[in-house]
Amino acid sequence: MSAPCQQPAIPPAASVPPLPPAPATRRPAVDWRIRFAALSLIWGFSFLLIKVGTEGYAPFQVTLGRLLAGTAVLAVAMAVRRERLPRSARTWGHITVAAFFLNALPFSLFSYAELTIPSTLAGICNATSPLWGMALSVVALSEDRPTRRRVAGLGIGFLGVLTVLGAWQGFSGLDLPGTGMALLASFSYAVGWIYVRRTLAGTGSSTLTLTGSQLFVGTLQLAVVTPVFTSAPDSFPVLPTLSVLALGALGTGLAVLLQYGLVQEVGPTTGQMVTYFIPAIATAAGVTLLGEQLTWNTPVGAVIVLAGAALTQSRPSSAARPRSRTPDVRPERLTRT
């Protein structure tokens, strides 16, 4: 969550700027299906890891820890590949804004949200990112015109959100502030995707460089904020500490490398299908490992949300749309946590 292709939201995972895919390289040693499954599991378990992390640390500390670990992983990858940091002050300015909307803000919101809501609900809220992206792209991106199918998908998706939240019961038993923060985090991903699409595509920097730079700036942002709102931890409990490190190293670092490798090898259409596995894995993990309660409207609403999200990502038939030399790598097609 690219001259190589860059993205996102996403899911709490790493969201980074969308750029065109890199030229094909030698075939990876591990089959893409195995890497696809690993990516789905990593991002699906991210919400459980956030929940466990907040049992030992303040939300801002969880976010700072994951960003530090994720940045370290990408810094090593950049050193191995001898990538150079961007030199333009303008590019760094755009990266700073992207880091806020795609990392610092949504990561922190999800951490605060999971103080009061189940990780299963947070995972489903994360799946609304394509819905927000479609709604915003209609306004912000003139080339992304709505179709009846996509507008219908938007309506269906938000009907699914109301189903998950139990709107017919007056949202009884629902923690509204926590749920609102989780939905706002997903909205933040959408804002960030549109921003980077308009500002960072075509900068000449590689996916890895922009992603690593973005996480580094996000880490600096949290390093400034965290001491203001939290005090240093008195202890370092083992399980929460390991959860935060895994969340950063795997969900915010390794997952980014896996995602872009998949997009380059099998294309964005197949690569973005990981989006539809994340809520199911997050729900299964929360119920089986954390003992979270699950009512019928949660999985039913999640299916409706994903159906709507799929419709919002549909494109006109090849005969109906103009030809383009640029692959369709819209960031809202590449959602992550």
C-alpha atoms as a PDB file:
ATOM      1  CA  MET A   1       0.000   0.000   0.000  1.00  0.00           C
ATOM      2  CA  SER A   2       6.204   3.971 -10.496  1.00  0.00           C
ATOM      3  CA  ALA A   3       8.323   4.509 -13.501  1.00  0.00           C
ATOM      4  CA  PRO A   4       7.785   1.144 -12.004  1.00  0.00           C
ATOM      5  CA  CYS A   5       4.207   1.335 -10.874  1.00  0.00           C
ATOM      6  CA  GLN A   6       3.465   2.915  -7.526  1.00  0.00           C
ATOM      7  CA  GLN A   7       0.506   2.948  -5.322  1.00  0.00           C
ATOM      8  CA  PRO A   8      -1.167   2.316  -2.217  1.00  0.00           C
ATOM      9  CA  ALA A   9      -4.198   1.818   0.342  1.00  0.00           C
ATOM     10  CA  ILE A  10      -3.882   1.026   1.582  1.00  0.00           C
ATOM     11  CA  PRO A  11      -4.608  -1.271   3.101  1.00  0.00           C
ATOM     12  CA  PRO A  12      -2.911  -0.143   6.575  1.00  0.00           C
ATOM     13  CA  ALA A  13      -0.296  -1.182   4.329  1.00  0.00           C
ATOM     14  CA  ALA A  14       1.818   0.891   2.085  1.00  0.00           C
ATOM     15  CA  SER A  15       0.281   3.348  -0.294  1.00  0.00           C
ATOM     16  CA  VAL A  16       2.654   4.918  -2.777  1.00  0.00           C
ATOM     17  CA  PRO A  17       2.597   6.952  -5.973  1.00  0.00           C
ATOM     18  CA  PRO A  18       1.155   5.332  -9.128  1.00  0.00           C
ATOM     19  CA  LEU A  19       3.550   5.352 -12.070  1.00  0.00           C
ATOM     20  CA  PRO A  20       3.935   3.230 -15.222  1.00  0.00           C
ATOM     21  CA  PRO A  21       5.264  -0.310 -14.765  1.00  0.00           C
ATOM     22  CA  ALA A  22       8.926  -1.015 -15.267  1.00  0.00           C
ATOM     23  CA  PRO A  23      10.240  -3.060 -18.180  1.00  0.00           C
ATOM     24  CA  ALA A  24      10.107  -6.819 -17.727  1.00  0.00           C
ATOM     25  CA  THR A  25      13.044  -8.349 -15.885  1.00  0.00           C
ATOM     26  CA  ARG A  26      14.109 -11.945 -15.366  1.00  0.00           C
ATOM     27  CA  ARG A  27      11.426 -14.224 -13.941  1.00  0.00           C
ATOM     28  CA  PRO A  28      11.424 -14.358 -10.100  1.00  0.00           C
ATOM     29  CA  ALA A  29      12.378 -17.651  -8.459  1.00  0.00           C
ATOM     30  CA  VAL A  30       9.070 -17.840  -6.530  1.00  0.00           C
ATOM     31  CA  ASP A  31       5.869 -18.336  -8.522  1.00  0.00           C
ATOM     32  CA  TRP A  32       3.611 -15.275  -8.597  1.00  0.00           C
ATOM     33  CA  ARG A  33       0.687 -17.230  -7.088  1.00  0.00           C
ATOM     34  CA  ILE A  34       2.711 -17.970  -3.972  1.00  0.00           C
ATOM     35  CA  ARG A  35       3.725 -14.322  -3.694  1.00  0.00           C
ATOM     36  CA  PHE A  36       0.086 -13.285  -4.257  1.00  0.00           C
ATOM     37  CA  ALA A  37      -1.021 -15.550  -1.391  1.00  0.00           C
ATOM     38  CA  ALA A  38       1.753 -14.224   0.851  1.00  0.00           C
ATOM     39  CA  LEU A  39       0.758 -10.617   0.116  1.00  0.00           C
ATOM     40  CA  SER A  40      -2.901 -11.359   0.868  1.00  0.00           C
ATOM     41  CA  LEU A  41      -1.971 -12.945   4.197  1.00  0.00           C
ATOM     42  CA  ILE A  42       0.410 -10.152   5.172  1.00  0.00           C
ATOM     43  CA  TRP A  43      -2.095  -7.386   4.520  1.00  0.00           C
ATOM     44  CA  GLY A  44      -5.013  -9.411   5.882  1.00  0.00           C
ATOM     45  CA  PHE A  45      -3.195  -9.941   9.190  1.00  0.00           C
ATOM     46  CA  SER A  46      -2.145  -6.276   9.433  1.00  0.00           C
ATOM     47  CA  PHE A  47      -5.311  -5.355  11.309  1.00  0.00           C
ATOM     48  CA  LEU A  48      -4.739  -8.084  13.875  1.00  0.00           C
ATOM     49  CA  LEU A  49      -1.164  -6.871  14.333  1.00  0.00           C
ATOM     50  CA  ILE A  50      -2.386  -3.311  14.880  1.00  0.00           C
ATOM     51  CA  LYS A  51      -4.829  -4.553  17.510  1.00  0.00           C
ATOM     52  CA  VAL A  52      -2.152  -6.490  19.373  1.00  0.00           C
ATOM     53  CA  GLY A  53       0.300  -3.591  19.075  1.00  0.00           C
ATOM     54  CA  THR A  54      -2.116  -1.154  20.714  1.00  0.00           C
ATOM     55  CA  GLU A  55      -2.364  -3.474  23.728  1.00  0.00           C
ATOM     56  CA  GLY A  56       1.188  -2.501  24.661  1.00  0.00           C
ATOM     57  CA  TYR A  57       1.780   0.865  23.004  1.00  0.00           C
ATOM     58  CA  ALA A  58      -0.020   4.120  22.282  1.00  0.00           C
ATOM     59  CA  PRO A  59      -1.455   4.402  18.753  1.00  0.00           C
ATOM     60  CA  PHE A  60       1.122   6.972  17.639  1.00  0.00           C
ATOM     61  CA  GLN A  61       3.885   4.692  18.932  1.00  0.00           C
ATOM     62  CA  VAL A  62       2.487   1.780  16.923  1.00  0.00           C
ATOM     63  CA  THR A  63       2.476   3.935  13.804  1.00  0.00           C
ATOM     64  CA  LEU A  64       5.990   5.249  14.415  1.00  0.00           C
ATOM     65  CA  GLY A  65       7.294   1.732  15.008  1.00  0.00           C
ATOM     66  CA  ARG A  66       5.761   0.325  11.830  1.00  0.00           C
ATOM     67  CA  LEU A  67       7.072   3.224   9.758  1.00  0.00           C
ATOM     68  CA  LEU A  68      10.574   2.815  11.187  1.00  0.00           C
ATOM     69  CA  ALA A  69      10.587  -0.910  10.424  1.00  0.00           C
ATOM     70  CA  GLY A  70       9.087  -0.438   6.953  1.00  0.00           C
ATOM     71  CA  THR A  71      11.562   2.314   6.092  1.00  0.00           C
ATOM     72  CA  ALA A  72      14.464   0.116   7.207  1.00  0.00           C
ATOM     73  CA  VAL A  73      13.371  -2.692   4.871  1.00  0.00           C
ATOM     74  CA  LEU A  74      13.069  -0.373   1.878  1.00  0.00           C
ATOM     75  CA  ALA A  75      16.334   1.394   2.740  1.00  0.00           C
ATOM     76  CA  VAL A  76      18.126  -1.955   2.506  1.00  0.00           C
ATOM     77  CA  ALA A  77      16.409  -2.691  -0.831  1.00  0.00           C
ATOM     78  CA  MET A  78      17.416   0.748  -2.140  1.00  0.00           C
ATOM     79  CA  ALA A  79      21.018   0.207  -1.076  1.00  0.00           C
ATOM     80  CA  VAL A  80      21.157  -3.204  -2.760  1.00  0.00           C
ATOM     81  CA  ARG A  81      19.776  -1.769  -5.995  1.00  0.00           C
ATOM     82  CA  ARG A  82      21.849   1.420  -5.686  1.00  0.00           C
ATOM     83  CA  GLU A  83      18.839   3.672  -5.984  1.00  0.00           C
ATOM     84  CA  ARG A  84      19.312   7.423  -5.664  1.00  0.00           C
ATOM     85  CA  LEU A  85      17.057   9.710  -3.655  1.00  0.00           C
ATOM     86  CA  PRO A  86      15.084  12.416  -5.499  1.00  0.00           C
ATOM     87  CA  ARG A  87      17.015  15.654  -5.895  1.00  0.00           C
ATOM     88  CA  SER A  88      14.190  18.061  -6.673  1.00  0.00           C
ATOM     89  CA  ALA A  89      12.839  20.122  -3.763  1.00  0.00           C
ATOM     90  CA  ARG A  90       9.484  20.158  -5.525  1.00  0.00           C
ATOM     91  CA  THR A  91       9.401  16.353  -5.598  1.00  0.00           C
ATOM     92  CA  TRP A  92      10.228  16.211  -1.895  1.00  0.00           C
ATOM     93  CA  GLY A  93       7.395  18.640  -1.230  1.00  0.00           C
ATOM     94  CA  HIS A  94       4.926  16.363  -3.013  1.00  0.00           C
ATOM     95  CA  ILE A  95       6.370  13.335  -1.213  1.00  0.00           C
ATOM     96  CA  THR A  96       5.756  15.101   2.115  1.00  0.00           C
ATOM     97  CA  VAL A  97       2.075  15.599   1.310  1.00  0.00           C
ATOM     98  CA  ALA A  98       1.785  12.009   0.033  1.00  0.00           C
ATOM     99  CA  ALA A  99       3.427  10.649   3.194  1.00  0.00           C
ATOM    100  CA  PHE A 100       0.854  12.448   5.325  1.00  0.00           C
ATOM    101  CA  PHE A 101      -2.237  11.246   3.454  1.00  0.00           C
ATOM    102  CA  LEU A 102      -0.994   7.756   2.581  1.00  0.00           C
ATOM    103  CA  ASN A 103       1.006   6.830   5.673  1.00  0.00           C
ATOM    104  CA  ALA A 104       1.106   9.082   8.729  1.00  0.00           C
ATOM    105  CA  LEU A 105      -2.598   9.972   8.882  1.00  0.00           C
ATOM    106  CA  PRO A 106      -4.302   6.681   7.894  1.00  0.00           C
ATOM    107  CA  PHE A 107      -1.877   4.490   9.849  1.00  0.00           C
ATOM    108  CA  SER A 108      -2.507   6.581  12.970  1.00  0.00           C
ATOM    109  CA  LEU A 109      -6.271   6.625  12.441  1.00  0.00           C
ATOM    110  CA  PHE A 110      -6.431   2.847  12.125  1.00  0.00           C
ATOM    111  CA  SER A 111      -4.367   2.469  15.304  1.00  0.00           C
ATOM    112  CA  TYR A 112      -6.661   4.797  17.242  1.00  0.00           C
ATOM    113  CA  ALA A 113      -9.760   3.171  15.730  1.00  0.00           C
ATOM    114  CA  GLU A 114      -8.734  -0.289  16.894  1.00  0.00           C
ATOM    115  CA  LEU A 115      -8.655   0.869  20.494  1.00  0.00           C
ATOM    116  CA  THR A 116     -12.455   0.672  20.408  1.00  0.00           C
ATOM    117  CA  ILE A 117     -13.504  -1.354  17.344  1.00  0.00           C
ATOM    118  CA  PRO A 118     -12.717  -4.960  16.328  1.00  0.00           C
ATOM    119  CA  SER A 119      -9.922  -5.608  13.857  1.00  0.00           C
ATOM    120  CA  THR A 120     -12.531  -7.303  11.645  1.00  0.00           C
ATOM    121  CA  LEU A 121     -14.475  -4.045  11.296  1.00  0.00           C
ATOM    122  CA  ALA A 122     -11.265  -2.090  10.616  1.00  0.00           C
ATOM    123  CA  GLY A 123     -10.390  -4.511   7.813  1.00  0.00           C
ATOM    124  CA  ILE A 124     -13.792  -4.062   6.205  1.00  0.00           C
ATOM    125  CA  CYS A 125     -13.610  -0.271   6.512  1.00  0.00           C
ATOM    126  CA  ASN A 126     -10.271  -0.425   4.706  1.00  0.00           C
ATOM    127  CA  ALA A 127     -12.059  -2.092   1.767  1.00  0.00           C
ATOM    128  CA  THR A 128     -14.074   1.092   1.187  1.00  0.00           C
ATOM    129  CA  SER A 129     -10.994   2.880  -0.203  1.00  0.00           C
ATOM    130  CA  PRO A 130     -11.884   2.148  -3.859  1.00  0.00           C
ATOM    131  CA  LEU A 131     -15.348   3.608  -3.240  1.00  0.00           C
ATOM    132  CA  TRP A 132     -13.927   6.849  -1.893  1.00  0.00           C
ATOM    133  CA  GLY A 133     -11.372   6.879  -4.706  1.00  0.00           C
ATOM    134  CA  MET A 134     -14.046   6.553  -7.369  1.00  0.00           C
ATOM    135  CA  ALA A 135     -16.206   9.263  -5.796  1.00  0.00           C
ATOM    136  CA  LEU A 136     -13.275  11.679  -5.553  1.00  0.00           C
ATOM    137  CA  SER A 137     -11.827  10.863  -8.974  1.00  0.00           C
ATOM    138  CA  VAL A 138     -15.062  11.974 -10.625  1.00  0.00           C
ATOM    139  CA  VAL A 139     -14.440  15.442  -9.216  1.00  0.00           C
ATOM    140  CA  ALA A 140     -10.645  15.641  -9.250  1.00  0.00           C
ATOM    141  CA  LEU A 141      -9.703  13.746 -12.408  1.00  0.00           C
ATOM    142  CA  SER A 142     -11.520  14.899 -15.516  1.00  0.00           C
ATOM    143  CA  GLU A 143     -10.279  11.950 -17.592  1.00  0.00           C
ATOM    144  CA  ASP A 144     -11.874   9.467 -15.177  1.00  0.00           C
ATOM    145  CA  ARG A 145     -15.493   9.995 -16.194  1.00  0.00           C
ATOM    146  CA  PRO A 146     -18.243   8.064 -14.394  1.00  0.00           C
ATOM    147  CA  THR A 147     -20.263   5.360 -16.105  1.00  0.00           C
ATOM    148  CA  ARG A 148     -23.595   3.935 -15.038  1.00  0.00           C
ATOM    149  CA  ARG A 149     -21.902   0.766 -13.879  1.00  0.00           C
ATOM    150  CA  ARG A 150     -19.361   2.618 -11.745  1.00  0.00           C
ATOM    151  CA  VAL A 151     -21.985   4.908 -10.217  1.00  0.00           C
ATOM    152  CA  ALA A 152     -24.097   1.841  -9.450  1.00  0.00           C
ATOM    153  CA  GLY A 153     -21.042   0.245  -7.837  1.00  0.00           C
ATOM    154  CA  LEU A 154     -20.589   3.325  -5.658  1.00  0.00           C
ATOM    155  CA  GLY A 155     -24.190   3.104  -4.456  1.00  0.00           C
ATOM    156  CA  ILE A 156     -23.971  -0.654  -3.858  1.00  0.00           C
ATOM    157  CA  GLY A 157     -20.700  -0.259  -1.993  1.00  0.00           C
ATOM    158  CA  PHE A 158     -22.037   2.287   0.439  1.00  0.00           C
ATOM    159  CA  LEU A 159     -25.165   0.174   0.910  1.00  0.00           C
ATOM    160  CA  GLY A 160     -22.753  -2.534   2.019  1.00  0.00           C
ATOM    161  CA  VAL A 161     -21.151  -0.108   4.483  1.00  0.00           C
ATOM    162  CA  LEU A 162     -24.564   0.603   6.008  1.00  0.00           C
ATOM    163  CA  THR A 163     -25.169  -3.145   6.246  1.00  0.00           C
ATOM    164  CA  VAL A 164     -21.879  -3.715   8.060  1.00  0.00           C
ATOM    165  CA  LEU A 165     -22.685  -0.894  10.474  1.00  0.00           C
ATOM    166  CA  GLY A 166     -26.245  -2.105  11.154  1.00  0.00           C
ATOM    167  CA  ALA A 167     -27.919   1.131  10.075  1.00  0.00           C
ATOM    168  CA  TRP A 168     -31.442  -0.336  10.434  1.00  0.00           C
ATOM    169  CA  GLN A 169     -30.728  -0.802  14.150  1.00  0.00           C
ATOM    170  CA  GLY A 170     -29.711   2.816  14.572  1.00  0.00           C
ATOM    171  CA  PHE A 171     -26.039   1.750  14.716  1.00  0.00           C
ATOM    172  CA  SER A 172     -26.780   0.192  18.105  1.00  0.00           C
ATOM    173  CA  GLY A 173     -23.701  -1.116  19.903  1.00  0.00           C
ATOM    174  CA  LEU A 174     -21.377   0.504  17.363  1.00  0.00           C
ATOM    175  CA  ASP A 175     -18.516   2.705  18.465  1.00  0.00           C
ATOM    176  CA  LEU A 176     -19.106   5.641  16.146  1.00  0.00           C
ATOM    177  CA  PRO A 177     -15.849   7.566  16.802  1.00  0.00           C
ATOM    178  CA  GLY A 178     -13.721   4.457  16.210  1.00  0.00           C
ATOM    179  CA  THR A 179     -15.645   3.442  13.100  1.00  0.00           C
ATOM    180  CA  GLY A 180     -15.506   7.013  11.825  1.00  0.00           C
ATOM    181  CA  MET A 181     -11.720   7.071  12.215  1.00  0.00           C
ATOM    182  CA  ALA A 182     -11.376   3.808  10.275  1.00  0.00           C
ATOM    183  CA  LEU A 183     -13.533   5.156   7.448  1.00  0.00           C
ATOM    184  CA  LEU A 184     -11.616   8.446   7.503  1.00  0.00           C
ATOM    185  CA  ALA A 185      -8.379   6.480   7.152  1.00  0.00           C
ATOM    186  CA  SER A 186      -9.730   4.822   4.013  1.00  0.00           C
ATOM    187  CA  PHE A 187     -10.832   8.222   2.719  1.00  0.00           C
ATOM    188  CA  SER A 188      -7.328   9.550   3.374  1.00  0.00           C
ATOM    189  CA  TYR A 189      -5.886   6.831   1.132  1.00  0.00           C
ATOM    190  CA  ALA A 190      -8.166   7.959  -1.683  1.00  0.00           C
ATOM    191  CA  VAL A 191      -7.140  11.602  -1.272  1.00  0.00           C
ATOM    192  CA  GLY A 192      -3.482  10.597  -1.297  1.00  0.00           C
ATOM    193  CA  TRP A 193      -3.843   8.434  -4.402  1.00  0.00           C
ATOM    194  CA  ILE A 194      -5.385  11.273  -6.366  1.00  0.00           C
ATOM    195  CA  TYR A 195      -2.738  13.692  -5.151  1.00  0.00           C
ATOM    196  CA  VAL A 196       0.208  11.530  -6.173  1.00  0.00           C
ATOM    197  CA  ARG A 197      -1.414  10.709  -9.492  1.00  0.00           C
ATOM    198  CA  ARG A 198      -1.522  14.410 -10.291  1.00  0.00           C
ATOM    199  CA  THR A 199       1.896  15.345  -8.911  1.00  0.00           C
ATOM    200  CA  LEU A 200       4.382  12.448  -8.809  1.00  0.00           C
ATOM    201  CA  ALA A 201       3.697  10.500 -11.996  1.00  0.00           C
ATOM    202  CA  GLY A 202       6.488  11.188 -14.438  1.00  0.00           C
ATOM    203  CA  THR A 203       9.083  12.480 -11.955  1.00  0.00           C
ATOM    204  CA  GLY A 204      11.688  10.079 -13.337  1.00  0.00           C
ATOM    205  CA  SER A 205      12.299   8.426  -9.960  1.00  0.00           C
ATOM    206  CA  SER A 206      11.758   4.703  -9.538  1.00  0.00           C
ATOM    207  CA  THR A 207       8.947   3.132  -7.562  1.00  0.00           C
ATOM    208  CA  LEU A 208      11.358   1.973  -4.881  1.00  0.00           C
ATOM    209  CA  THR A 209      12.917   5.414  -4.523  1.00  0.00           C
ATOM    210  CA  LEU A 210       9.608   7.237  -4.182  1.00  0.00           C
ATOM    211  CA  THR A 211       8.186   4.628  -1.822  1.00  0.00           C
ATOM    212  CA  GLY A 212      11.242   4.570   0.416  1.00  0.00           C
ATOM    213  CA  SER A 213      11.377   8.370   0.459  1.00  0.00           C
ATOM    214  CA  GLN A 214       7.696   8.563   1.288  1.00  0.00           C
ATOM    215  CA  LEU A 215       8.008   6.171   4.233  1.00  0.00           C
ATOM    216  CA  PHE A 216      11.088   8.032   5.466  1.00  0.00           C
ATOM    217  CA  VAL A 217       9.228  11.346   5.471  1.00  0.00           C
ATOM    218  CA  GLY A 218       6.231   9.709   7.137  1.00  0.00           C
ATOM    219  CA  THR A 219       8.579   8.425   9.851  1.00  0.00           C
ATOM    220  CA  LEU A 220       9.894  11.956  10.422  1.00  0.00           C
ATOM    221  CA  GLN A 221       6.330  13.264  10.686  1.00  0.00           C
ATOM    222  CA  LEU A 222       5.478  10.698  13.371  1.00  0.00           C
ATOM    223  CA  ALA A 223       8.790  11.275  15.146  1.00  0.00           C
ATOM    224  CA  VAL A 224       7.752  14.899  15.633  1.00  0.00           C
ATOM    225  CA  VAL A 225       4.168  14.173  16.686  1.00  0.00           C
ATOM    226  CA  THR A 226       4.612  11.118  18.918  1.00  0.00           C
ATOM    227  CA  PRO A 227       6.618  12.734  21.771  1.00  0.00           C
ATOM    228  CA  VAL A 228       4.078  15.575  21.954  1.00  0.00           C
ATOM    229  CA  PHE A 229       1.074  13.291  22.539  1.00  0.00           C
ATOM    230  CA  THR A 230       2.652  10.276  24.273  1.00  0.00           C
ATOM    231  CA  SER A 231       5.271   9.554  26.894  1.00  0.00           C
ATOM    232  CA  ALA A 232       8.074   7.034  26.484  1.00  0.00           C
ATOM    233  CA  PRO A 233       6.901   3.464  27.176  1.00  0.00           C
ATOM    234  CA  ASP A 234       7.760   2.056  30.602  1.00  0.00           C
ATOM    235  CA  SER A 235       8.330  -1.417  29.176  1.00  0.00           C
ATOM    236  CA  PHE A 236       8.549  -3.272  25.900  1.00  0.00           C
ATOM    237  CA  PRO A 237       6.107  -6.190  26.098  1.00  0.00           C
ATOM    238  CA  VAL A 238       7.167  -9.015  23.814  1.00  0.00           C
ATOM    239  CA  LEU A 239       3.989  -9.729  21.854  1.00  0.00           C
ATOM    240  CA  PRO A 240       3.012  -6.102  21.081  1.00  0.00           C
ATOM    241  CA  THR A 241       6.633  -5.317  20.175  1.00  0.00           C
ATOM    242  CA  LEU A 242       6.859  -8.251  17.775  1.00  0.00           C
ATOM    243  CA  SER A 243       3.484  -7.274  16.299  1.00  0.00           C
ATOM    244  CA  VAL A 244       4.629  -3.714  15.572  1.00  0.00           C
ATOM    245  CA  LEU A 245       7.898  -4.923  14.051  1.00  0.00           C
ATOM    246  CA  ALA A 246       6.082  -7.468  11.876  1.00  0.00           C
ATOM    247  CA  LEU A 247       3.508  -4.853  10.877  1.00  0.00           C
ATOM    248  CA  GLY A 248       6.280  -2.573   9.662  1.00  0.00           C
ATOM    249  CA  ALA A 249       8.826  -4.999   8.229  1.00  0.00           C
ATOM    250  CA  LEU A 250       6.236  -7.212   6.512  1.00  0.00           C
ATOM    251  CA  GLY A 251       3.078  -5.144   5.993  1.00  0.00           C
ATOM    252  CA  THR A 252       4.767  -1.796   5.287  1.00  0.00           C
ATOM    253  CA  GLY A 253       8.080  -2.958   3.829  1.00  0.00           C
ATOM    254  CA  LEU A 254       8.159  -6.408   2.254  1.00  0.00           C
ATOM    255  CA  ALA A 255       4.539  -6.190   1.082  1.00  0.00           C
ATOM    256  CA  VAL A 256       5.347  -3.145  -1.043  1.00  0.00           C
ATOM    257  CA  LEU A 257       8.120  -5.043  -2.823  1.00  0.00           C
ATOM    258  CA  LEU A 258       5.828  -8.034  -3.337  1.00  0.00           C
ATOM    259  CA  GLN A 259       3.024  -5.893  -4.704  1.00  0.00           C
ATOM    260  CA  TYR A 260       5.064  -4.085  -7.316  1.00  0.00           C
ATOM    261  CA  GLY A 261       6.726  -7.286  -8.375  1.00  0.00           C
ATOM    262  CA  LEU A 262       3.280  -8.780  -8.949  1.00  0.00           C
ATOM    263  CA  VAL A 263       2.020  -5.765 -10.880  1.00  0.00           C
ATOM    264  CA  GLN A 264       5.078  -5.823 -13.104  1.00  0.00           C
ATOM    265  CA  GLU A 265       4.767  -9.565 -13.748  1.00  0.00           C
ATOM    266  CA  VAL A 266       1.021 -10.201 -14.058  1.00  0.00           C
ATOM    267  CA  GLY A 267      -0.372  -6.682 -14.518  1.00  0.00           C
ATOM    268  CA  PRO A 268      -2.489  -4.346 -12.359  1.00  0.00           C
ATOM    269  CA  THR A 269      -5.779  -6.157 -13.002  1.00  0.00           C
ATOM    270  CA  THR A 270      -4.564  -9.386 -11.410  1.00  0.00           C
ATOM    271  CA  GLY A 271      -2.394  -7.573  -8.879  1.00  0.00           C
ATOM    272  CA  GLN A 272      -5.293  -5.552  -7.517  1.00  0.00           C
ATOM    273  CA  MET A 273      -7.323  -8.706  -6.819  1.00  0.00           C
ATOM    274  CA  VAL A 274      -5.498  -8.944  -3.485  1.00  0.00           C
ATOM    275  CA  THR A 275      -7.892  -6.210  -2.350  1.00  0.00           C
ATOM    276  CA  TYR A 276     -10.761  -8.676  -2.231  1.00  0.00           C
ATOM    277  CA  PHE A 277      -8.948 -11.171  -0.003  1.00  0.00           C
ATOM    278  CA  ILE A 278      -7.910  -8.704   2.695  1.00  0.00           C
ATOM    279  CA  PRO A 279     -11.293  -8.303   4.479  1.00  0.00           C
ATOM    280  CA  ALA A 280     -11.887 -12.065   4.495  1.00  0.00           C
ATOM    281  CA  ILE A 281      -8.457 -12.773   5.980  1.00  0.00           C
ATOM    282  CA  ALA A 282      -8.765  -9.908   8.484  1.00  0.00           C
ATOM    283  CA  THR A 283     -12.149 -11.255   9.593  1.00  0.00           C
ATOM    284  CA  ALA A 284     -10.932 -14.849   9.910  1.00  0.00           C
ATOM    285  CA  ALA A 285      -7.863 -13.727  11.876  1.00  0.00           C
ATOM    286  CA  GLY A 286      -9.857 -11.516  14.232  1.00  0.00           C
ATOM    287  CA  VAL A 287     -12.487 -14.167  14.952  1.00  0.00           C
ATOM    288  CA  THR A 288     -10.189 -17.181  15.344  1.00  0.00           C
ATOM    289  CA  LEU A 289      -7.145 -15.616  17.017  1.00  0.00           C
ATOM    290  CA  LEU A 290      -8.618 -12.678  18.936  1.00  0.00           C
ATOM    291  CA  GLY A 291     -12.037 -14.137  19.699  1.00  0.00           C
ATOM    292  CA  GLU A 292     -13.885 -11.184  18.171  1.00  0.00           C
ATOM    293  CA  GLN A 293     -17.648 -11.517  17.800  1.00  0.00           C
ATOM    294  CA  LEU A 294     -19.124 -11.779  14.314  1.00  0.00           C
ATOM    295  CA  THR A 295     -22.778 -11.085  13.488  1.00  0.00           C
ATOM    296  CA  TRP A 296     -24.421 -11.969  10.171  1.00  0.00           C
ATOM    297  CA  ASN A 297     -24.446  -8.394   8.844  1.00  0.00           C
ATOM    298  CA  THR A 298     -20.642  -8.074   8.996  1.00  0.00           C
ATOM    299  CA  PRO A 299     -19.717 -10.720   6.381  1.00  0.00           C
ATOM    300  CA  VAL A 300     -22.833  -9.996   4.297  1.00  0.00           C
ATOM    301  CA  GLY A 301     -22.068  -6.275   4.268  1.00  0.00           C
ATOM    302  CA  ALA A 302     -18.422  -6.962   3.448  1.00  0.00           C
ATOM    303  CA  VAL A 303     -19.426  -8.972   0.373  1.00  0.00           C
ATOM    304  CA  ILE A 304     -21.684  -6.112  -0.757  1.00  0.00           C
ATOM    305  CA  VAL A 305     -18.875  -3.587  -0.208  1.00  0.00           C
ATOM    306  CA  LEU A 306     -16.458  -5.657  -2.287  1.00  0.00           C
ATOM    307  CA  ALA A 307     -19.035  -6.137  -5.057  1.00  0.00           C
ATOM    308  CA  GLY A 308     -19.549  -2.399  -5.221  1.00  0.00           C
ATOM    309  CA  ALA A 309     -15.807  -1.759  -5.166  1.00  0.00           C
ATOM    310  CA  ALA A 310     -15.330  -4.200  -8.054  1.00  0.00           C
ATOM    311  CA  LEU A 311     -17.950  -2.355 -10.110  1.00  0.00           C
ATOM    312  CA  THR A 312     -16.317   1.015  -9.445  1.00  0.00           C
ATOM    313  CA  GLN A 313     -13.083  -0.366 -10.895  1.00  0.00           C
ATOM    314  CA  SER A 314     -14.705  -1.699 -14.072  1.00  0.00           C
ATOM    315  CA  ARG A 315     -13.643  -0.126 -17.351  1.00  0.00           C
ATOM    316  CA  PRO A 316     -15.443   0.292 -20.679  1.00  0.00           C
ATOM    317  CA  SER A 317     -14.926  -2.438 -23.247  1.00  0.00           C
ATOM    318  CA  SER A 318     -11.891  -2.048 -25.462  1.00  0.00           C
ATOM    319  CA  ALA A 319     -14.117  -1.162 -28.392  1.00  0.00           C
ATOM    320  CA  ALA A 320     -15.813   1.611 -26.455  1.00  0.00           C
ATOM    321  CA  ARG A 321     -12.775   3.354 -25.014  1.00  0.00           C
ATOM    322  CA  PRO A 322      -9.995   5.221 -26.815  1.00  0.00           C
ATOM    323  CA  ARG A 323      -6.653   3.504 -27.177  1.00  0.00           C
ATOM    324  CA  SER A 324      -3.897   4.560 -24.825  1.00  0.00           C
ATOM    325  CA  ARG A 325      -0.226   3.726 -24.690  1.00  0.00           C
ATOM    326  CA  THR A 326      -0.210   3.956 -20.916  1.00  0.00           C
ATOM    327  CA  PRO A 327      -1.265   0.864 -18.936  1.00  0.00           C
ATOM    328  CA  ASP A 328      -4.229   1.245 -16.608  1.00  0.00           C
ATOM    329  CA  VAL A 329      -2.478   1.556 -13.266  1.00  0.00           C
ATOM    330  CA  ARG A 330      -4.951   3.774 -11.474  1.00  0.00           C
ATOM    331  CA  PRO A 331      -3.946   3.698  -7.795  1.00  0.00           C
ATOM    332  CA  GLU A 332      -7.497   2.974  -6.653  1.00  0.00           C
ATOM    333  CA  ARG A 333      -7.146  -0.369  -8.488  1.00  0.00           C
ATOM    334  CA  LEU A 334      -4.221  -1.256  -6.236  1.00  0.00           C
ATOM    335  CA  THR A 335      -5.663  -1.028  -2.766  1.00  0.00           C
ATOM    336  CA  ARG A 336      -3.808  -2.148   0.323  1.00  0.00           C
ATOM    337  CA  THR A 337      -4.102  -1.676   3.948  1.00  0.00           C
END
